[in-house]
Amino acid sequence: MLKYWIRWHGLRFKHRLLGNILEKENLKNYFNLINNDKPINLMSEDILDRKEFSKKLGKLILEYKLSDSLVIGLLGEWVQVSHL
């Protein structure tokens, strides 16, 4: 029961955070989106507009030629959706 309460209140919090972007009829699709850990397949699915960042990060990884291991850390605010 606690699991569902947390999921519901988390959804309500995230829905308020995004403002009026989402219509109520799309709430089910939105719920699937925020709980989905699958990679995107199409650029049209990149709702956070991370294409350029991802390209640069991929290039950095591919061009790393040292024999030492490579460690990458990503830092930033948890929710940055101001451009939506």
C-alpha atoms as a PDB file:
ATOM      1  CA  MET A   1       0.000   0.000   0.000  1.00  0.00           C
ATOM      2  CA  LEU A   2       2.823   2.396   0.876  1.00  0.00           C
ATOM      3  CA  LYS A   3       4.422   1.693  -2.520  1.00  0.00           C
ATOM      4  CA  TYR A   4       1.290   2.855  -4.346  1.00  0.00           C
ATOM      5  CA  TRP A   5       0.931   5.907  -2.106  1.00  0.00           C
ATOM      6  CA  ILE A   6       4.501   6.940  -2.885  1.00  0.00           C
ATOM      7  CA  ARG A   7       4.026   6.334  -6.610  1.00  0.00           C
ATOM      8  CA  TRP A   8       0.766   8.328  -6.654  1.00  0.00           C
ATOM      9  CA  HIS A   9       2.140  11.255  -4.671  1.00  0.00           C
ATOM     10  CA  GLY A  10       5.335  11.220  -6.717  1.00  0.00           C
ATOM     11  CA  LEU A  11       3.202  11.396  -9.855  1.00  0.00           C
ATOM     12  CA  ARG A  12       1.134  14.270  -8.451  1.00  0.00           C
ATOM     13  CA  PHE A  13       4.304  16.162  -7.507  1.00  0.00           C
ATOM     14  CA  LYS A  14       5.861  15.674 -10.936  1.00  0.00           C
ATOM     15  CA  HIS A  15       2.594  16.612 -12.639  1.00  0.00           C
ATOM     16  CA  ARG A  16       2.456  19.899 -10.690  1.00  0.00           C
ATOM     17  CA  LEU A  17       6.107  20.496 -11.510  1.00  0.00           C
ATOM     18  CA  LEU A  18       5.437  20.329 -15.229  1.00  0.00           C
ATOM     19  CA  GLY A  19       2.483  22.675 -14.901  1.00  0.00           C
ATOM     20  CA  ASN A  20      -0.321  22.512 -17.433  1.00  0.00           C
ATOM     21  CA  ILE A  21       1.715  20.821 -20.140  1.00  0.00           C
ATOM     22  CA  LEU A  22      -0.127  17.567 -19.690  1.00  0.00           C
ATOM     23  CA  GLU A  23      -3.849  17.081 -20.137  1.00  0.00           C
ATOM     24  CA  LYS A  24      -5.687  14.800 -17.736  1.00  0.00           C
ATOM     25  CA  GLU A  25      -6.416  12.272 -20.491  1.00  0.00           C
ATOM     26  CA  ASN A  26      -2.664  11.915 -21.049  1.00  0.00           C
ATOM     27  CA  LEU A  27      -1.977  11.155 -17.389  1.00  0.00           C
ATOM     28  CA  LYS A  28      -1.765   7.415 -18.034  1.00  0.00           C
ATOM     29  CA  ASN A  29       0.796   7.943 -20.818  1.00  0.00           C
ATOM     30  CA  TYR A  30       2.722  10.333 -18.582  1.00  0.00           C
ATOM     31  CA  PHE A  31       2.738   7.798 -15.747  1.00  0.00           C
ATOM     32  CA  ASN A  32       4.236   5.220 -18.130  1.00  0.00           C
ATOM     33  CA  LEU A  33       6.822   7.774 -19.250  1.00  0.00           C
ATOM     34  CA  ILE A  34       8.109   8.631 -15.794  1.00  0.00           C
ATOM     35  CA  ASN A  35       8.352   4.989 -14.784  1.00  0.00           C
ATOM     36  CA  ASN A  36       9.937   3.849 -18.013  1.00  0.00           C
ATOM     37  CA  ASP A  37      13.646   3.098 -17.868  1.00  0.00           C
ATOM     38  CA  LYS A  38      13.909   2.033 -21.496  1.00  0.00           C
ATOM     39  CA  PRO A  39      16.199   3.924 -23.877  1.00  0.00           C
ATOM     40  CA  ILE A  40      14.601   6.075 -26.540  1.00  0.00           C
ATOM     41  CA  ASN A  41      14.761   4.936 -30.162  1.00  0.00           C
ATOM     42  CA  LEU A  42      13.743   8.073 -32.040  1.00  0.00           C
ATOM     43  CA  MET A  43      14.865  11.678 -31.729  1.00  0.00           C
ATOM     44  CA  SER A  44      11.181  12.634 -31.452  1.00  0.00           C
ATOM     45  CA  GLU A  45      11.151  10.773 -28.116  1.00  0.00           C
ATOM     46  CA  ASP A  46      13.898  13.053 -26.742  1.00  0.00           C
ATOM     47  CA  ILE A  47      11.552  15.257 -24.727  1.00  0.00           C
ATOM     48  CA  LEU A  48      14.416  16.617 -22.617  1.00  0.00           C
ATOM     49  CA  ASP A  49      16.393  17.721 -25.701  1.00  0.00           C
ATOM     50  CA  ARG A  50      19.563  15.896 -24.716  1.00  0.00           C
ATOM     51  CA  LYS A  51      20.684  15.044 -28.259  1.00  0.00           C
ATOM     52  CA  GLU A  52      23.702  17.379 -28.421  1.00  0.00           C
ATOM     53  CA  PHE A  53      24.843  16.509 -24.908  1.00  0.00           C
ATOM     54  CA  SER A  54      24.555  12.797 -25.690  1.00  0.00           C
ATOM     55  CA  LYS A  55      26.532  13.190 -28.913  1.00  0.00           C
ATOM     56  CA  LYS A  56      29.349  15.011 -27.102  1.00  0.00           C
ATOM     57  CA  LEU A  57      29.424  12.433 -24.313  1.00  0.00           C
ATOM     58  CA  GLY A  58      29.483   9.569 -26.818  1.00  0.00           C
ATOM     59  CA  LYS A  59      32.319  11.216 -28.745  1.00  0.00           C
ATOM     60  CA  LEU A  60      34.294  11.679 -25.529  1.00  0.00           C
ATOM     61  CA  ILE A  61      33.913   7.985 -24.690  1.00  0.00           C
ATOM     62  CA  LEU A  62      34.780   6.780 -28.196  1.00  0.00           C
ATOM     63  CA  GLU A  63      37.873   8.974 -28.439  1.00  0.00           C
ATOM     64  CA  TYR A  64      39.281   7.931 -25.056  1.00  0.00           C
ATOM     65  CA  LYS A  65      42.459   6.036 -25.933  1.00  0.00           C
ATOM     66  CA  LEU A  66      44.349   5.759 -22.630  1.00  0.00           C
ATOM     67  CA  SER A  67      44.902   2.378 -21.012  1.00  0.00           C
ATOM     68  CA  ASP A  68      43.608   3.666 -17.663  1.00  0.00           C
ATOM     69  CA  SER A  69      39.957   3.197 -16.868  1.00  0.00           C
ATOM     70  CA  LEU A  70      37.516   5.997 -17.633  1.00  0.00           C
ATOM     71  CA  VAL A  71      35.087   7.205 -14.989  1.00  0.00           C
ATOM     72  CA  ILE A  72      32.306   9.619 -15.907  1.00  0.00           C
ATOM     73  CA  GLY A  73      30.059  11.367 -13.406  1.00  0.00           C
ATOM     74  CA  LEU A  74      26.970  13.332 -14.374  1.00  0.00           C
ATOM     75  CA  LEU A  75      25.915  16.107 -12.020  1.00  0.00           C
ATOM     76  CA  GLY A  76      22.962  18.405 -12.260  1.00  0.00           C
ATOM     77  CA  GLU A  77      19.613  19.294 -10.808  1.00  0.00           C
ATOM     78  CA  TRP A  78      17.165  16.413 -10.604  1.00  0.00           C
ATOM     79  CA  VAL A  79      14.404  18.084 -12.619  1.00  0.00           C
ATOM     80  CA  GLN A  80      15.249  20.600 -15.305  1.00  0.00           C
ATOM     81  CA  VAL A  81      12.252  20.930 -17.595  1.00  0.00           C
ATOM     82  CA  SER A  82      12.158  24.698 -18.054  1.00  0.00           C
ATOM     83  CA  HIS A  83      12.253  24.416 -21.854  1.00  0.00           C
ATOM     84  CA  LEU A  84       9.070  22.307 -21.965  1.00  0.00           C
END
